[in-house]
Structure formats: structure tokens, C-alpha cells
Amino acid sequence: MTAPTIPASESVRQKQPAQQSNQPEQPRRKHDRLITRDMALVMLATFCFMSSNMLANPIVAGYAESLGADGMLMGAVAGSMSFISLFCRPIAGNLSDKTSKRTLVAVGTVLYFAAGLLYYFANSPIMLIMARVINGVGFACCSVCLATWMSLLLPIRHMGAGMGVYGTMNALAMAVGPALGIRAQKYIGYRLTFLSSLVLAVIMLLATLMVKNGGQPVRKKQTSITENPSTAVDIDGSASATKKHRFSIRSILEPRVVPLSLTFMMFAIAYFANQSFIVSYVQSRHLPVSSDLFFMFYAVALLVLRLGLRDLFDSKGFRFWLTVCSLGMLAMLACMTFLFNDWMLLLAAIFTAVGYGLMSSVTQAQAVVIAGRERSGIANSTYYAGIDLGMSVGPFVGGLVYGHLPAVWFYPVFMLAMPVAWLIYLLCVKRVSR
């Protein structure tokens, strides 16, 4: 018996699935790239955004003093931006999960322009506080939206490495921004320095307008109400469409990320206390150290570490990084306690990069993984709340320690932050691991 012949058309149809299955290979490979054109533009926008903020931070207190502010009012001017950001971030995070990231970044940029003009025309400390408040709202919008936008552009399996590279833009901005602000203030004064910072806002806006993926919100598939009305849910997990707009804590915070945020807050408290008092600490102990070099050393060390260890971010668990970063922070605080020259300052900066710097990227990536892409905006805002709290609590506690204890005890006191971070983690380990 002869085998039946297969028509040529049928043979072609049988080969098509195999051909089609191979066709998506190239797009998938392209999408899997760690850095794409859109990601590069978002990171450029992030660099300009963070540099603009860092440019203002080291000179705004002196600007307030030149307008007649006393010490307490100088502190209020300097701290008002992070205080406002703390309350605005949850709202920005909620909005970033429901609207285009490009739109919210544009709104934040407009607020930056308004703040910049207020800085320029300010004739009293009260006007500076108004500028800082507007700056804080814009800071909340842009920080949450840019980080969320970046996380949406990344493949989930490269989230740790991608957010690590994203963090390098913050590291560079932390070095370039303050250097630009301090140097510009010496040559052109406070007012023109703040006005010139608007150039960075323009570059940020142009970069975001060039991104092809506008950062539209990610939606979960909803259960059809006609299939089973009792199980219908919206993207926030509400019981029904009628409850969709009802307020809940999940609309401003991601509960599963709160333990992560609190754990990282302990690192931020130690870091920002050092940032605020390193100059006074060096002066009070009459140390032969150039304290301004610390942040340059830190930024370079963090850039090298994040690029060199980027593959480990996705292969090692959160507990591993918490252990490494805790040891890094303790080593940094020990180096600052026994500081005696610039080489020891360099060592302290490297350990700061190992501690606070790496923990920043690890925590942010873990927050997005735990919450999922559809709630990445609120996850990022919850993560940044830990930074805002650390930025507020760290200098406040640092002032108490500095004013009531000998200077040599300043850094040993902040070593207590690491056991507290571990206590928070161990009490909530099931939530922060996934």
C-alpha cells in the first residue's frame, strides 16, 4: 500500500506554525535588553531632576540666612521640601498607577519652574518656604513617576539590575548637583544659581517628551460581572465596581512594602544624619579632613559598585543584601568614629556605598516585585516614604545627639539603627520576601 500523498498547500500550512514560533525570537531578544532608548531617556531625565534638587540643598539654608533667617528658620526652610514630599508621595504614587507617567512628570516640571521663579524673586524666608513647598510637590511627582516609569520599561527578570543602573543616575547627580550649586553660588550668587537650575528642568522635560512609551498604567484583567458578580474586582482589589472609588489605605500605600520602607528608613536615618553633620563633626574634632570630598568619593564608589554587581541584584535574595549592607553601614560608622585623614574618609565613603547606596537599589527593586507592575507607582511612593522619614528624622536625632553628647559619640549612637532594621525585617520577613 502506498502512503497517501500530502498536498503542497497542506505541507505549507504544517510548516507555518514552526516558522511563526521562531518569528517572535528577535522582538523578545530586543525587549530583553537591559538598556533601551526609552530607558536611557528616562535615566537622563532622572539625572537632571535629581541634580536640580541636589543643586539647591547645600545652598538654600545660606540663602535663607542672607534674607534674615535665624538658625531655627534656616532649618525649617531646608527641611520643608522633604516634609511636604512625605505627604505628597502617596497621592503621586496613586496617580502614577492611574494615568500617564509622562503627564505627571510634565506637571512636576511646571511646579519646578514655579519654584525656581520664587527662589529667584524671594525677598524673605517665608517666600523661600513657599518655594520649598512647591518644590516638594514637584519632587514627589517626579521621583515617584520616573522610578515607576523605569520599572515599567524593564523586564521583570532584570528588575534588580535595571533599578541598580537607574540608581547610578542618582549617584552621579548626588556628586554633580551639589558641586554645581556651590560653585555657581560663588560666582553668580544665590538668585542666578536657582534661576540657572531651570535649564536642567528644560532638559528633563525634553527627554520625557522623546520617550516613545508614555508610561500608561498597567491594568489587571477584571472578572466579568456578568459571569460572577460576587467575584468582580477592580485593579485595587475592591469588592465591586460600586466600591471602586471608596477610600482605603491601599489607595495611598502598599501595605506589603511598608516593612521594606521601615527597614530602609533605618539606613536613611544614619545616612542623612551624617550628611547633615559631617562638616560640624569634622570642625568640632579639628580633624585634618576635607569633608566635602566625602560625597564625591561616595558617588564614584556607588557608580562602580552598581555597575560591577548588577548581575548579582537578580540572583541574590533580600536577606543576603540586608546582611551585606548592614555590615557596610556599621563599617562606615566605625570609620567616621575613628576618622583621622582623607584616606579614612575615602574608606568611609566606600562603605557608605556598600551600605546605604546598595540597599537603596535592592529595596526599591524588591518593592516593585512584591507589589507587582500594576501597583508599582504606589510601591515606589511607599518606598520613598522611608527616605522622606529618614531625611527628616536623621537630622533631628543627629541634632539631639550632637547637642547633648561629646562629638566622638555621634556615629556610635547611629550604629543602633542597624539592629532596629533587622528587628523590623525579622518581624515581617514573610512580607518582604517573595
Protein backbone atom coordinates (compact mmCIF):
# COMPACT_ATOMS: atom_id res chain seq x y z
CA MET A 1 0.00 0.00 0.00
CA THR A 2 1.39 3.37 -0.93
CA ALA A 3 1.45 6.18 1.58
CA PRO A 4 -1.05 8.93 0.87
CA THR A 5 0.41 12.00 -0.74
CA ILE A 6 0.21 15.30 1.10
CA PRO A 7 -0.80 18.32 -0.94
CA ALA A 8 1.76 21.10 -1.20
CA SER A 9 -0.66 23.58 0.36
CA GLU A 10 -1.14 21.31 3.35
CA SER A 11 2.62 20.93 3.71
CA VAL A 12 2.99 24.70 3.75
CA ARG A 13 0.30 25.02 6.43
CA GLN A 14 2.08 22.45 8.58
CA LYS A 15 5.36 24.37 8.33
CA GLN A 16 3.82 27.75 9.16
CA PRO A 17 3.45 27.23 12.93
CA ALA A 18 7.11 26.31 13.22
CA GLN A 19 8.07 29.40 11.26
CA GLN A 20 5.74 31.61 13.26
CA SER A 21 7.05 30.27 16.54
CA ASN A 22 10.52 31.38 15.53
CA GLN A 23 9.47 34.85 14.38
CA PRO A 24 8.98 36.43 17.86
CA GLU A 25 12.53 35.47 18.89
CA GLN A 26 14.08 38.71 17.66
CA PRO A 27 11.49 41.05 19.27
CA ARG A 28 11.78 39.17 22.56
CA ARG A 29 15.56 39.40 22.44
CA LYS A 30 15.33 43.12 21.75
CA HIS A 31 12.84 43.66 24.55
CA ASP A 32 15.11 41.74 26.91
CA ARG A 33 17.92 44.27 26.52
CA LEU A 34 18.79 45.85 29.86
CA ILE A 35 19.13 49.40 28.47
CA THR A 36 16.93 50.62 25.63
CA ARG A 37 16.49 54.06 24.07
CA ASP A 38 13.45 54.80 26.26
CA MET A 39 15.27 53.71 29.42
CA ALA A 40 18.25 55.91 28.57
CA LEU A 41 15.97 58.93 28.13
CA VAL A 42 14.19 58.25 31.45
CA MET A 43 17.57 57.98 33.19
CA LEU A 44 18.68 61.27 31.59
CA ALA A 45 15.50 62.91 32.90
CA THR A 46 16.20 61.39 36.32
CA PHE A 47 19.75 62.75 36.33
CA CYS A 48 18.54 66.28 35.53
CA PHE A 49 15.72 66.03 38.07
CA MET A 50 17.96 64.85 40.92
CA SER A 51 20.78 67.24 40.04
CA SER A 52 18.36 70.15 40.20
CA ASN A 53 17.32 69.15 43.72
CA MET A 54 20.86 68.46 44.90
CA LEU A 55 21.93 71.81 43.47
CA ALA A 56 19.56 73.60 45.84
CA ASN A 57 20.04 71.57 49.01
CA PRO A 58 23.53 72.72 50.07
CA ILE A 59 22.88 76.44 49.47
CA VAL A 60 19.25 77.04 50.41
CA ALA A 61 19.97 77.40 54.15
CA GLY A 62 22.65 80.01 53.43
CA TYR A 63 20.23 81.81 51.10
CA ALA A 64 17.67 81.92 53.94
CA GLU A 65 20.31 83.31 56.30
CA SER A 66 21.16 86.05 53.79
CA LEU A 67 17.46 87.01 53.84
CA GLY A 68 17.46 87.39 57.64
CA ALA A 69 16.54 83.88 58.88
CA ASP A 70 17.84 82.64 62.25
CA GLY A 71 19.09 79.09 62.82
CA MET A 72 15.68 77.55 63.51
CA LEU A 73 14.11 79.20 60.47
CA MET A 74 17.05 78.10 58.33
CA GLY A 75 16.33 74.53 59.38
CA ALA A 76 12.64 74.98 58.57
CA VAL A 77 13.47 76.25 55.09
CA ALA A 78 15.88 73.39 54.42
CA GLY A 79 13.57 70.67 55.75
CA SER A 80 10.23 71.85 54.38
CA MET A 81 10.71 70.21 50.98
CA SER A 82 11.14 66.65 52.31
CA PHE A 83 8.34 67.20 54.83
CA ILE A 84 5.90 68.15 52.07
CA SER A 85 7.13 65.29 49.86
CA LEU A 86 6.33 62.80 52.60
CA PHE A 87 2.62 63.62 52.37
CA CYS A 88 2.50 64.12 48.61
CA ARG A 89 4.24 60.92 47.53
CA PRO A 90 1.31 58.57 48.32
CA ILE A 91 -1.00 60.76 46.24
CA ALA A 92 1.56 60.90 43.42
CA GLY A 93 2.01 57.13 43.63
CA ASN A 94 -1.72 56.54 43.37
CA LEU A 95 -1.99 58.90 40.39
CA SER A 96 1.00 57.31 38.66
CA ASP A 97 -0.79 53.95 38.67
CA LYS A 98 -3.86 55.50 37.02
CA THR A 99 -2.50 57.94 34.46
CA SER A 100 0.38 58.54 32.06
CA LYS A 101 3.80 58.95 33.68
CA ARG A 102 4.70 61.50 31.01
CA THR A 103 1.77 63.69 32.06
CA LEU A 104 2.68 63.65 35.75
CA VAL A 105 6.35 64.36 35.07
CA ALA A 106 5.26 67.34 32.94
CA VAL A 107 3.15 68.59 35.87
CA GLY A 108 6.14 68.17 38.20
CA THR A 109 8.34 70.12 35.78
CA VAL A 110 5.85 73.02 35.72
CA LEU A 111 5.98 73.06 39.52
CA TYR A 112 9.78 73.14 39.31
CA PHE A 113 9.60 76.24 37.13
CA ALA A 114 7.24 77.93 39.59
CA ALA A 115 9.56 77.10 42.50
CA GLY A 116 12.61 78.32 40.57
CA LEU A 117 10.99 81.68 39.90
CA LEU A 118 10.01 82.00 43.57
CA TYR A 119 13.60 81.24 44.60
CA TYR A 120 14.79 83.98 42.25
CA PHE A 121 12.33 86.67 43.40
CA ALA A 122 12.32 85.71 47.11
CA ASN A 123 12.81 88.67 49.47
CA SER A 124 12.07 86.89 52.76
CA PRO A 125 12.45 83.44 54.37
CA ILE A 126 8.67 82.96 54.10
CA MET A 127 8.87 83.21 50.30
CA LEU A 128 11.65 80.64 50.39
CA ILE A 129 9.43 78.28 52.38
CA MET A 130 6.70 78.76 49.77
CA ALA A 131 9.22 77.88 47.07
CA ARG A 132 10.32 74.80 49.00
CA VAL A 133 6.72 73.66 49.42
CA ILE A 134 6.07 73.90 45.67
CA ASN A 135 9.46 72.25 45.06
CA GLY A 136 8.43 69.42 47.40
CA VAL A 137 5.20 68.74 45.50
CA GLY A 138 7.11 68.65 42.20
CA PHE A 139 9.78 66.46 43.77
CA ALA A 140 7.14 63.95 44.91
CA CYS A 141 5.55 63.81 41.45
CA CYS A 142 8.80 63.38 39.53
CA SER A 143 10.61 61.00 41.88
CA VAL A 144 7.73 58.51 42.04
CA CYS A 145 6.79 58.78 38.36
CA LEU A 146 10.31 58.46 36.96
CA ALA A 147 11.12 55.44 39.13
CA THR A 148 7.78 53.82 38.26
CA TRP A 149 8.22 54.62 34.58
CA MET A 150 11.64 52.96 34.63
CA SER A 151 10.27 49.84 36.37
CA LEU A 152 7.56 49.50 33.70
CA LEU A 153 10.15 49.61 30.92
CA LEU A 154 12.26 46.86 32.50
CA PRO A 155 11.76 43.10 32.00
CA ILE A 156 10.73 41.71 35.40
CA ARG A 157 13.67 39.27 35.49
CA HIS A 158 16.10 42.21 35.12
CA MET A 159 14.34 44.39 37.71
CA GLY A 160 17.21 44.32 40.23
CA ALA A 161 19.94 45.01 37.68
CA GLY A 162 17.86 47.63 35.87
CA MET A 163 16.98 49.56 39.02
CA GLY A 164 20.64 49.32 40.02
CA VAL A 165 21.68 51.04 36.78
CA TYR A 166 18.85 53.54 37.26
CA GLY A 167 20.28 54.26 40.70
CA THR A 168 23.61 55.22 39.18
CA MET A 169 21.93 58.35 37.80
CA ASN A 170 21.07 59.31 41.37
CA ALA A 171 24.68 58.62 42.41
CA LEU A 172 26.06 60.88 39.68
CA ALA A 173 23.51 63.59 40.45
CA MET A 174 24.47 63.47 44.14
CA ALA A 175 28.00 64.43 43.13
CA VAL A 176 27.35 66.80 40.22
CA GLY A 177 24.36 68.67 41.71
CA PRO A 178 25.95 69.95 44.95
CA ALA A 179 29.21 70.75 43.15
CA LEU A 180 27.34 72.84 40.57
CA GLY A 181 25.29 74.63 43.24
CA ILE A 182 28.22 75.51 45.49
CA ARG A 183 30.45 76.59 42.61
CA ALA A 184 27.72 78.60 40.85
CA GLN A 185 26.75 80.39 44.05
CA LYS A 186 30.32 81.61 44.49
CA TYR A 187 30.41 83.15 41.01
CA ILE A 188 26.86 84.30 40.22
CA GLY A 189 25.12 84.44 43.61
CA TYR A 190 22.07 82.69 45.03
CA ARG A 191 19.38 84.12 42.77
CA LEU A 192 21.01 83.39 39.42
CA THR A 193 22.06 79.94 40.63
CA PHE A 194 18.45 78.98 41.31
CA LEU A 195 17.37 80.52 38.03
CA SER A 196 20.04 78.59 36.12
CA SER A 197 18.77 75.33 37.64
CA LEU A 198 15.71 75.70 35.38
CA VAL A 199 17.95 74.67 32.46
CA LEU A 200 18.02 71.18 33.99
CA ALA A 201 14.22 71.22 34.20
CA VAL A 202 14.03 72.04 30.47
CA ILE A 203 16.32 69.13 29.59
CA MET A 204 14.26 66.83 31.81
CA LEU A 205 11.04 67.84 30.05
CA LEU A 206 12.54 67.40 26.56
CA ALA A 207 13.87 63.95 27.48
CA THR A 208 10.48 62.76 28.72
CA LEU A 209 8.74 64.07 25.60
CA MET A 210 11.10 61.96 23.45
CA VAL A 211 10.26 58.69 25.23
CA LYS A 212 8.09 56.56 22.93
CA ASN A 213 6.45 54.58 25.73
CA GLY A 214 4.46 57.21 27.61
CA GLY A 215 4.14 55.07 30.74
CA GLN A 216 0.47 54.23 30.54
CA PRO A 217 -0.88 52.48 33.67
CA VAL A 218 -0.85 48.66 33.84
CA ARG A 219 -4.25 47.11 34.41
CA LYS A 220 -5.15 43.72 35.75
CA LYS A 221 -7.69 41.62 33.89
CA GLN A 222 -11.05 42.05 35.56
CA THR A 223 -13.51 39.28 36.19
CA SER A 224 -16.65 39.78 34.13
CA ILE A 225 -19.51 40.99 36.28
CA THR A 226 -21.96 39.05 34.13
CA GLU A 227 -20.05 35.83 34.82
CA ASN A 228 -19.95 36.15 38.58
CA PRO A 229 -20.95 39.46 40.11
CA SER A 230 -19.84 38.39 43.57
CA THR A 231 -16.23 37.91 42.47
CA ALA A 232 -15.82 41.02 40.30
CA VAL A 233 -12.81 43.10 41.36
CA ASP A 234 -11.13 46.25 40.18
CA ILE A 235 -7.38 46.85 39.93
CA ASP A 236 -7.15 47.83 43.59
CA GLY A 237 -8.91 44.70 44.79
CA SER A 238 -12.18 46.39 45.70
CA ALA A 239 -15.18 44.14 46.13
CA SER A 240 -17.19 45.63 43.27
CA ALA A 241 -17.29 48.43 40.76
CA THR A 242 -19.56 50.41 43.03
CA LYS A 243 -16.80 50.48 45.67
CA LYS A 244 -14.10 51.35 43.21
CA HIS A 245 -13.72 54.97 44.27
CA ARG A 246 -14.11 54.37 48.01
CA PHE A 247 -11.03 55.46 50.01
CA SER A 248 -8.78 52.79 51.52
CA ILE A 249 -5.24 52.64 52.86
CA ARG A 250 -4.25 50.70 49.74
CA SER A 251 -5.06 53.75 47.63
CA ILE A 252 -2.14 55.70 49.15
CA LEU A 253 0.18 52.98 50.50
CA GLU A 254 1.18 49.45 49.55
CA PRO A 255 0.93 47.53 52.89
CA ARG A 256 3.28 44.78 51.70
CA VAL A 257 6.01 47.37 51.03
CA VAL A 258 5.69 49.17 54.39
CA PRO A 259 8.07 46.76 56.21
CA LEU A 260 10.63 47.29 53.44
CA SER A 261 10.24 51.05 53.71
CA LEU A 262 10.68 50.99 57.50
CA THR A 263 13.72 48.72 57.24
CA PHE A 264 15.34 51.05 54.72
CA MET A 265 14.35 54.08 56.83
CA MET A 266 16.88 52.98 59.48
CA PHE A 267 19.65 53.12 56.86
CA ALA A 268 18.38 56.55 55.73
CA ILE A 269 18.39 57.90 59.31
CA ALA A 270 22.10 57.10 59.69
CA TYR A 271 22.93 58.38 56.20
CA PHE A 272 21.13 61.73 56.43
CA ALA A 273 22.40 62.37 59.95
CA ASN A 274 25.90 62.02 58.55
CA GLN A 275 25.01 64.21 55.56
CA SER A 276 23.76 67.00 57.84
CA PHE A 277 26.51 66.95 60.47
CA ILE A 278 29.70 65.72 58.80
CA VAL A 279 31.03 69.27 58.40
CA SER A 280 30.26 70.22 62.01
CA TYR A 281 31.67 66.89 63.24
CA VAL A 282 34.98 67.44 61.43
CA GLN A 283 35.23 71.02 62.66
CA SER A 284 34.38 70.18 66.27
CA ARG A 285 37.06 67.48 66.40
CA HIS A 286 39.60 69.63 64.50
CA LEU A 287 40.29 66.84 62.03
CA PRO A 288 42.63 67.38 59.04
CA VAL A 289 39.92 66.20 56.65
CA SER A 290 38.22 67.77 53.61
CA SER A 291 34.62 66.83 54.43
CA ASP A 292 33.33 67.98 51.03
CA LEU A 293 35.21 65.11 49.37
CA PHE A 294 33.02 62.52 51.12
CA PHE A 295 30.11 62.78 48.70
CA MET A 296 32.34 62.76 45.63
CA PHE A 297 34.02 59.59 46.91
CA TYR A 298 30.63 58.11 47.72
CA ALA A 299 29.14 58.81 44.29
CA VAL A 300 32.12 57.31 42.42
CA ALA A 301 32.18 54.22 44.68
CA LEU A 302 28.43 53.71 44.26
CA LEU A 303 28.68 54.04 40.48
CA VAL A 304 31.41 51.39 40.33
CA LEU A 305 29.59 49.02 42.70
CA ARG A 306 26.22 49.23 40.96
CA LEU A 307 27.72 48.62 37.53
CA GLY A 308 30.04 45.89 38.76
CA LEU A 309 27.46 43.99 40.82
CA ARG A 310 24.40 44.48 38.62
CA ASP A 311 24.10 40.76 37.78
CA LEU A 312 24.02 39.86 41.48
CA PHE A 313 20.95 42.03 42.14
CA ASP A 314 18.69 39.45 40.48
CA SER A 315 20.49 36.32 41.71
CA LYS A 316 20.77 37.05 45.45
CA GLY A 317 17.89 37.31 47.91
CA PHE A 318 16.90 40.25 50.09
CA ARG A 319 18.36 38.71 53.28
CA PHE A 320 21.79 38.43 51.61
CA TRP A 321 21.77 42.11 50.66
CA LEU A 322 20.44 43.18 54.06
CA THR A 323 23.38 41.38 55.69
CA VAL A 324 25.98 42.90 53.35
CA CYS A 325 24.50 46.41 53.55
CA SER A 326 24.16 46.32 57.35
CA LEU A 327 27.84 45.39 57.68
CA GLY A 328 28.67 48.18 55.23
CA MET A 329 26.82 50.80 57.30
CA LEU A 330 28.42 49.61 60.56
CA ALA A 331 31.86 49.78 58.93
CA MET A 332 31.12 53.30 57.65
CA LEU A 333 30.06 54.49 61.11
CA ALA A 334 33.19 52.92 62.63
CA CYS A 335 35.42 54.67 60.06
CA MET A 336 33.79 58.01 60.84
CA THR A 337 34.24 57.40 64.59
CA PHE A 338 37.99 56.88 64.15
CA LEU A 339 38.40 59.37 61.29
CA PHE A 340 41.86 60.95 61.12
CA ASN A 341 42.66 61.68 57.42
CA ASP A 342 41.23 61.77 53.89
CA TRP A 343 42.13 58.13 53.25
CA MET A 344 39.89 57.08 56.12
CA LEU A 345 37.21 59.39 54.68
CA LEU A 346 37.53 57.55 51.35
CA LEU A 347 37.09 54.23 53.13
CA ALA A 348 34.01 55.55 54.94
CA ALA A 349 32.54 56.71 51.61
CA ILE A 350 33.11 53.27 50.04
CA PHE A 351 31.38 51.57 52.97
CA THR A 352 28.51 54.06 52.65
CA ALA A 353 28.10 52.98 49.04
CA VAL A 354 28.10 49.32 50.14
CA GLY A 355 25.57 50.09 52.88
CA TYR A 356 23.07 52.83 52.10
CA GLY A 357 23.79 53.00 48.36
CA LEU A 358 23.24 49.33 47.52
CA MET A 359 20.37 48.98 49.97
CA SER A 360 18.56 51.79 48.18
CA SER A 361 18.51 49.88 44.87
CA VAL A 362 17.76 46.49 46.44
CA THR A 363 14.83 47.83 48.45
CA GLN A 364 13.31 49.70 45.52
CA ALA A 365 13.53 46.68 43.20
CA GLN A 366 12.08 44.37 45.87
CA ALA A 367 9.21 46.79 46.46
CA VAL A 368 8.19 46.64 42.78
CA VAL A 369 8.49 42.84 42.66
CA ILE A 370 6.34 42.41 45.78
CA ALA A 371 3.63 44.84 44.71
CA GLY A 372 3.52 43.91 41.01
CA ARG A 373 3.66 46.17 37.98
CA GLU A 374 0.05 47.31 38.27
CA ARG A 375 0.79 48.88 41.68
CA SER A 376 4.40 49.87 41.03
CA GLY A 377 3.58 53.57 41.47
CA ILE A 378 2.20 53.16 44.97
CA ALA A 379 5.03 50.71 45.74
CA ASN A 380 7.60 53.35 44.79
CA SER A 381 5.82 56.07 46.76
CA THR A 382 5.77 53.79 49.83
CA TYR A 383 9.49 53.12 49.36
CA TYR A 384 10.25 56.85 49.05
CA ALA A 385 8.28 57.50 52.24
CA GLY A 386 11.08 55.68 54.06
CA ILE A 387 13.61 58.08 52.53
CA ASP A 388 11.50 61.11 53.47
CA LEU A 389 11.19 59.88 57.06
CA GLY A 390 14.91 59.19 57.23
CA MET A 391 15.64 62.62 55.75
CA SER A 392 13.52 64.23 58.46
CA VAL A 393 14.28 62.02 61.49
CA GLY A 394 18.02 61.60 60.82
CA PRO A 395 19.00 65.30 61.07
CA PHE A 396 16.61 65.82 64.01
CA VAL A 397 18.08 62.94 66.03
CA GLY A 398 21.55 63.98 64.90
CA GLY A 399 20.95 67.45 66.33
CA LEU A 400 19.92 65.99 69.68
CA VAL A 401 22.96 63.71 69.80
CA TYR A 402 25.33 66.43 68.64
CA GLY A 403 23.98 68.92 71.19
CA HIS A 404 23.91 66.62 74.23
CA LEU A 405 26.80 64.16 73.80
CA PRO A 406 30.51 64.55 73.05
CA ALA A 407 31.18 64.60 69.31
CA VAL A 408 33.11 61.32 69.47
CA TRP A 409 29.84 59.51 70.37
CA PHE A 410 27.92 60.86 67.37
CA TYR A 411 28.47 57.93 65.00
CA PRO A 412 28.43 55.09 67.56
CA VAL A 413 24.90 56.13 68.57
CA PHE A 414 23.66 55.62 65.00
CA MET A 415 25.03 52.06 64.96
CA LEU A 416 21.85 51.21 66.89
CA ALA A 417 19.88 51.79 63.68
CA MET A 418 21.14 48.51 62.17
CA PRO A 419 19.79 46.17 64.90
CA VAL A 420 16.45 48.00 64.64
CA ALA A 421 16.44 47.44 60.86
CA TRP A 422 16.99 43.72 61.41
CA LEU A 423 14.26 43.60 64.06
CA ILE A 424 11.76 45.11 61.61
CA TYR A 425 12.85 42.64 58.93
CA LEU A 426 12.62 39.56 61.16
CA LEU A 427 9.16 40.55 62.42
CA CYS A 428 7.91 40.98 58.82
CA VAL A 429 10.13 38.54 56.90
CA LYS A 430 7.22 36.87 55.09
CA ARG A 431 6.10 40.19 53.65
CA VAL A 432 9.46 41.47 52.44
CA SER A 433 10.48 38.18 50.78
CA ARG A 434 8.94 36.89 47.58
